[in-house]
Amino acid sequence: MADGKDPLKQLKDLTQLKNQLAEIQKRVENEISAGVPQGGSLFGAPFLKGFLAGYVAAKLRSSAIVGVLLGTITGMYAAQNYQVPNIERTVKELLSNLTKGPK
């Protein structure tokens, strides 16, 4: 204790910093899992999924702008609050299964 610092207080500070780092790491991992995955492309992005949903809704309705806007907002909400599957990976797996044929 030559520098005037209590080792117990230093240990408590280190424990608090460790907990803060763990919380930050969890938040970053959640944000990464919600966005475009590493090695992925734009087709895995939640915004594009919402935009495509809006485009489909616009084709089904006469008002294209309202349909695209509604679908985009709905897709963004779903991507943020639910576990939305990666469409690009699903299509690639389907195509690879179809090209391989039956086992």
Protein backbone atom coordinates (compact mmCIF):
# COMPACT_ATOMS: atom_id res chain seq x y z
CA MET A 1 0.00 0.00 0.00
CA ALA A 2 2.88 2.31 -0.71
CA ASP A 3 0.86 4.23 -3.30
CA GLY A 4 -2.09 4.73 -0.92
CA LYS A 5 -4.58 2.51 -2.79
CA ASP A 6 -6.58 -0.18 -1.07
CA PRO A 7 -6.21 -3.56 -2.85
CA LEU A 8 -9.81 -4.48 -1.99
CA LYS A 9 -11.09 -1.29 -3.65
CA GLN A 10 -8.94 -2.01 -6.73
CA LEU A 11 -10.38 -5.53 -6.90
CA LYS A 12 -13.94 -4.17 -6.70
CA ASP A 13 -13.15 -1.67 -9.47
CA LEU A 14 -11.73 -4.45 -11.67
CA THR A 15 -14.81 -6.59 -11.06
CA GLN A 16 -17.07 -3.69 -12.02
CA LEU A 17 -15.07 -3.07 -15.19
CA LYS A 18 -15.24 -6.76 -16.09
CA ASN A 19 -19.04 -6.73 -15.72
CA GLN A 20 -19.30 -3.60 -17.88
CA LEU A 21 -17.15 -5.21 -20.58
CA ALA A 22 -19.30 -8.36 -20.52
CA GLU A 23 -22.45 -6.24 -20.95
CA ILE A 24 -20.92 -4.30 -23.85
CA GLN A 25 -19.84 -7.55 -25.50
CA LYS A 26 -23.40 -8.94 -25.25
CA ARG A 27 -24.84 -5.78 -26.81
CA VAL A 28 -22.33 -5.86 -29.67
CA GLU A 29 -23.02 -9.55 -30.34
CA ASN A 30 -26.77 -8.86 -30.42
CA GLU A 31 -26.28 -5.97 -32.84
CA ILE A 32 -24.07 -8.07 -35.09
CA SER A 33 -26.56 -10.94 -35.12
CA ALA A 34 -29.32 -8.52 -36.14
CA GLY A 35 -27.33 -7.04 -39.04
CA VAL A 36 -25.50 -8.44 -42.01
CA PRO A 37 -23.46 -11.46 -40.86
CA GLN A 38 -19.74 -11.60 -41.47
CA GLY A 39 -19.11 -13.18 -44.84
CA GLY A 40 -22.70 -12.42 -45.80
CA SER A 41 -24.00 -9.99 -48.34
CA LEU A 42 -26.66 -7.35 -48.61
CA PHE A 43 -29.34 -10.01 -49.14
CA GLY A 44 -28.99 -10.99 -45.47
CA ALA A 45 -29.66 -7.42 -44.24
CA PRO A 46 -32.92 -6.86 -42.34
CA PHE A 47 -33.58 -3.58 -44.18
CA LEU A 48 -33.55 -5.33 -47.55
CA LYS A 49 -35.87 -8.04 -46.25
CA GLY A 50 -38.30 -5.35 -45.14
CA PHE A 51 -37.98 -3.53 -48.45
CA LEU A 52 -38.71 -6.73 -50.36
CA ALA A 53 -41.73 -7.38 -48.14
CA GLY A 54 -42.92 -3.87 -48.91
CA TYR A 55 -42.42 -4.39 -52.63
CA VAL A 56 -44.55 -7.54 -52.53
CA ALA A 57 -47.22 -5.68 -50.56
CA ALA A 58 -47.10 -2.87 -53.13
CA LYS A 59 -47.65 -5.33 -55.98
CA LEU A 60 -50.71 -6.69 -54.18
CA ARG A 61 -52.12 -3.20 -53.57
CA SER A 62 -52.86 -0.32 -55.85
CA SER A 63 -50.99 2.24 -53.74
CA ALA A 64 -47.33 1.40 -54.26
CA ILE A 65 -45.83 4.02 -51.96
CA VAL A 66 -48.01 3.10 -48.99
CA GLY A 67 -47.36 -0.58 -49.55
CA VAL A 68 -43.57 -0.20 -49.75
CA LEU A 69 -43.52 2.06 -46.70
CA LEU A 70 -45.74 -0.26 -44.67
CA GLY A 71 -43.75 -3.34 -45.68
CA THR A 72 -40.41 -1.68 -44.95
CA ILE A 73 -41.50 -0.59 -41.49
CA THR A 74 -42.99 -4.02 -40.78
CA GLY A 75 -39.82 -5.76 -41.95
CA MET A 76 -37.60 -3.52 -39.85
CA TYR A 77 -39.77 -4.12 -36.78
CA ALA A 78 -39.76 -7.88 -37.32
CA ALA A 79 -35.99 -7.98 -37.89
CA GLN A 80 -35.33 -6.06 -34.68
CA ASN A 81 -37.73 -7.96 -32.44
CA TYR A 82 -37.79 -11.49 -33.83
CA GLN A 83 -35.33 -14.10 -35.05
CA VAL A 84 -35.70 -13.54 -38.80
CA PRO A 85 -34.11 -16.30 -40.90
CA ASN A 86 -31.35 -15.49 -43.36
CA ILE A 87 -33.11 -15.72 -46.73
CA GLU A 88 -29.90 -15.81 -48.74
CA ARG A 89 -28.49 -18.78 -46.81
CA THR A 90 -31.82 -20.63 -46.98
CA VAL A 91 -32.07 -20.21 -50.77
CA LYS A 92 -28.44 -21.29 -51.25
CA GLU A 93 -29.01 -24.41 -49.14
CA LEU A 94 -32.18 -25.20 -51.10
CA LEU A 95 -30.41 -24.81 -54.44
CA SER A 96 -27.43 -26.90 -53.31
CA ASN A 97 -29.81 -29.63 -52.11
CA LEU A 98 -31.66 -29.58 -55.44
CA THR A 99 -28.44 -29.80 -57.47
CA LYS A 100 -27.10 -32.70 -55.37
CA GLY A 101 -30.21 -34.73 -55.93
CA PRO A 102 -31.60 -37.51 -53.73
CA LYS A 103 -29.22 -39.45 -51.50
